[in-house]
Amino acid sequence: MAKKSWIARNEKRKRTAEKYARKRKELKEAGDYEALQKLPRDASPTRIRKRCSLTGRSRGYVGTFGISRIKFRELASEGKIPGVKKSSW
């Protein structure tokens, strides 16, 4: 499990990016890059890290399901993810 502070920091970045999304778009369309630089760093959506919704793990993220590879394997083996089953040949 990821540290609670990392998860909280990422959630704060999501809120900040959402708050400034319209303003960033307007500044980009106007070409005012000086004003764009004066916005908070966390207002940029590229600073948001994709994390597992169950554990908060940042690496090995499976985007289709929104969880890490480890949790994906556990849940798929238990049959808790619809339409996914372990392959064998």
C-alpha atoms as a PDB file:
ATOM      1  CA  MET A   1       0.000   0.000   0.000  1.00  0.00           C
ATOM      2  CA  ALA A   2       1.267   3.440  -0.909  1.00  0.00           C
ATOM      3  CA  LYS A   3       1.862   6.058   1.756  1.00  0.00           C
ATOM      4  CA  LYS A   4      -1.276   7.978   2.637  1.00  0.00           C
ATOM      5  CA  SER A   5       0.561  11.262   2.018  1.00  0.00           C
ATOM      6  CA  TRP A   6       1.324  10.315  -1.604  1.00  0.00           C
ATOM      7  CA  ILE A   7      -2.287   9.391  -2.245  1.00  0.00           C
ATOM      8  CA  ALA A   8      -3.499  12.617  -0.586  1.00  0.00           C
ATOM      9  CA  ARG A   9      -1.003  14.712  -2.566  1.00  0.00           C
ATOM     10  CA  ASN A  10      -2.201  13.185  -5.819  1.00  0.00           C
ATOM     11  CA  GLU A  11      -5.844  13.852  -4.903  1.00  0.00           C
ATOM     12  CA  LYS A  12      -4.945  17.478  -4.152  1.00  0.00           C
ATOM     13  CA  ARG A  13      -3.285  17.738  -7.578  1.00  0.00           C
ATOM     14  CA  LYS A  14      -6.455  16.385  -9.215  1.00  0.00           C
ATOM     15  CA  ARG A  15      -8.585  19.011  -7.478  1.00  0.00           C
ATOM     16  CA  THR A  16      -6.172  21.824  -8.391  1.00  0.00           C
ATOM     17  CA  ALA A  17      -5.967  20.746 -12.046  1.00  0.00           C
ATOM     18  CA  GLU A  18      -9.758  20.597 -12.237  1.00  0.00           C
ATOM     19  CA  LYS A  19     -10.070  24.036 -10.628  1.00  0.00           C
ATOM     20  CA  TYR A  20      -7.721  25.727 -13.117  1.00  0.00           C
ATOM     21  CA  ALA A  21      -8.678  23.713 -16.240  1.00  0.00           C
ATOM     22  CA  ARG A  22     -10.857  26.419 -17.797  1.00  0.00           C
ATOM     23  CA  LYS A  23      -8.376  29.203 -17.041  1.00  0.00           C
ATOM     24  CA  ARG A  24      -5.470  27.172 -18.499  1.00  0.00           C
ATOM     25  CA  LYS A  25      -7.459  26.517 -21.664  1.00  0.00           C
ATOM     26  CA  GLU A  26      -8.292  30.206 -22.098  1.00  0.00           C
ATOM     27  CA  LEU A  27      -4.663  31.275 -21.555  1.00  0.00           C
ATOM     28  CA  LYS A  28      -3.390  28.671 -24.014  1.00  0.00           C
ATOM     29  CA  GLU A  29      -5.866  29.770 -26.697  1.00  0.00           C
ATOM     30  CA  ALA A  30      -4.865  33.404 -26.139  1.00  0.00           C
ATOM     31  CA  GLY A  31      -1.176  32.473 -26.293  1.00  0.00           C
ATOM     32  CA  ASP A  32      -0.449  34.159 -22.957  1.00  0.00           C
ATOM     33  CA  TYR A  33       2.327  31.867 -21.753  1.00  0.00           C
ATOM     34  CA  GLU A  34       3.624  34.307 -19.146  1.00  0.00           C
ATOM     35  CA  ALA A  35       0.310  34.237 -17.286  1.00  0.00           C
ATOM     36  CA  LEU A  36       0.195  30.479 -17.751  1.00  0.00           C
ATOM     37  CA  GLN A  37       3.528  30.148 -15.936  1.00  0.00           C
ATOM     38  CA  LYS A  38       2.162  32.135 -12.990  1.00  0.00           C
ATOM     39  CA  LEU A  39      -0.490  29.521 -12.286  1.00  0.00           C
ATOM     40  CA  PRO A  40       0.326  26.907  -9.607  1.00  0.00           C
ATOM     41  CA  ARG A  41       2.482  23.980 -10.747  1.00  0.00           C
ATOM     42  CA  ASP A  42      -0.130  21.483  -9.709  1.00  0.00           C
ATOM     43  CA  ALA A  43      -2.644  23.158 -12.042  1.00  0.00           C
ATOM     44  CA  SER A  44      -1.042  21.213 -14.884  1.00  0.00           C
ATOM     45  CA  PRO A  45      -2.777  17.874 -15.568  1.00  0.00           C
ATOM     46  CA  THR A  46       0.559  16.238 -16.446  1.00  0.00           C
ATOM     47  CA  ARG A  47       1.527  16.293 -12.759  1.00  0.00           C
ATOM     48  CA  ILE A  48      -1.295  13.887 -11.870  1.00  0.00           C
ATOM     49  CA  ARG A  49      -0.082  10.328 -11.397  1.00  0.00           C
ATOM     50  CA  LYS A  50      -2.319   7.380 -12.255  1.00  0.00           C
ATOM     51  CA  ARG A  51      -2.692   5.190  -9.182  1.00  0.00           C
ATOM     52  CA  CYS A  52      -4.421   1.939  -8.246  1.00  0.00           C
ATOM     53  CA  SER A  53      -7.856   2.692  -6.816  1.00  0.00           C
ATOM     54  CA  LEU A  54      -7.523  -0.090  -4.228  1.00  0.00           C
ATOM     55  CA  THR A  55      -3.939   0.215  -2.971  1.00  0.00           C
ATOM     56  CA  GLY A  56      -2.618   3.516  -4.320  1.00  0.00           C
ATOM     57  CA  ARG A  57       0.276   1.800  -6.105  1.00  0.00           C
ATOM     58  CA  SER A  58       1.626   3.966  -8.926  1.00  0.00           C
ATOM     59  CA  ARG A  59       3.612   1.437 -10.919  1.00  0.00           C
ATOM     60  CA  GLY A  60       2.113  -1.389 -12.927  1.00  0.00           C
ATOM     61  CA  TYR A  61      -1.175   0.470 -13.436  1.00  0.00           C
ATOM     62  CA  VAL A  62      -3.680  -1.293 -15.707  1.00  0.00           C
ATOM     63  CA  GLY A  63      -5.647   1.616 -17.162  1.00  0.00           C
ATOM     64  CA  THR A  64      -8.605  -0.384 -18.468  1.00  0.00           C
ATOM     65  CA  PHE A  65      -9.524  -1.503 -14.959  1.00  0.00           C
ATOM     66  CA  GLY A  66      -7.985   1.294 -12.865  1.00  0.00           C
ATOM     67  CA  ILE A  67      -6.013  -1.060 -10.622  1.00  0.00           C
ATOM     68  CA  SER A  68      -2.422  -2.273 -10.324  1.00  0.00           C
ATOM     69  CA  ARG A  69      -1.169  -5.440 -12.001  1.00  0.00           C
ATOM     70  CA  ILE A  70      -0.915  -7.217  -8.638  1.00  0.00           C
ATOM     71  CA  LYS A  71      -4.517  -6.535  -7.622  1.00  0.00           C
ATOM     72  CA  PHE A  72      -5.647  -7.283 -11.179  1.00  0.00           C
ATOM     73  CA  ARG A  73      -4.083 -10.752 -10.994  1.00  0.00           C
ATOM     74  CA  GLU A  74      -5.539 -11.446  -7.549  1.00  0.00           C
ATOM     75  CA  LEU A  75      -9.059 -10.379  -8.527  1.00  0.00           C
ATOM     76  CA  ALA A  76      -8.908 -12.159 -11.901  1.00  0.00           C
ATOM     77  CA  SER A  77      -7.805 -15.402 -10.230  1.00  0.00           C
ATOM     78  CA  GLU A  78     -10.692 -15.150  -7.782  1.00  0.00           C
ATOM     79  CA  GLY A  79     -13.089 -14.506 -10.691  1.00  0.00           C
ATOM     80  CA  LYS A  80     -14.156 -11.108  -9.392  1.00  0.00           C
ATOM     81  CA  ILE A  81     -13.517  -9.229 -12.650  1.00  0.00           C
ATOM     82  CA  PRO A  82     -16.294  -9.922 -15.158  1.00  0.00           C
ATOM     83  CA  GLY A  83     -15.159 -11.182 -18.536  1.00  0.00           C
ATOM     84  CA  VAL A  84     -11.600 -11.953 -17.416  1.00  0.00           C
ATOM     85  CA  LYS A  85     -10.325 -15.457 -16.815  1.00  0.00           C
ATOM     86  CA  LYS A  86      -6.911 -17.044 -16.521  1.00  0.00           C
ATOM     87  CA  SER A  87      -5.662 -18.334 -19.828  1.00  0.00           C
ATOM     88  CA  SER A  88      -4.385 -21.876 -20.288  1.00  0.00           C
ATOM     89  CA  TRP A  89      -3.356 -23.788 -23.372  1.00  0.00           C
END
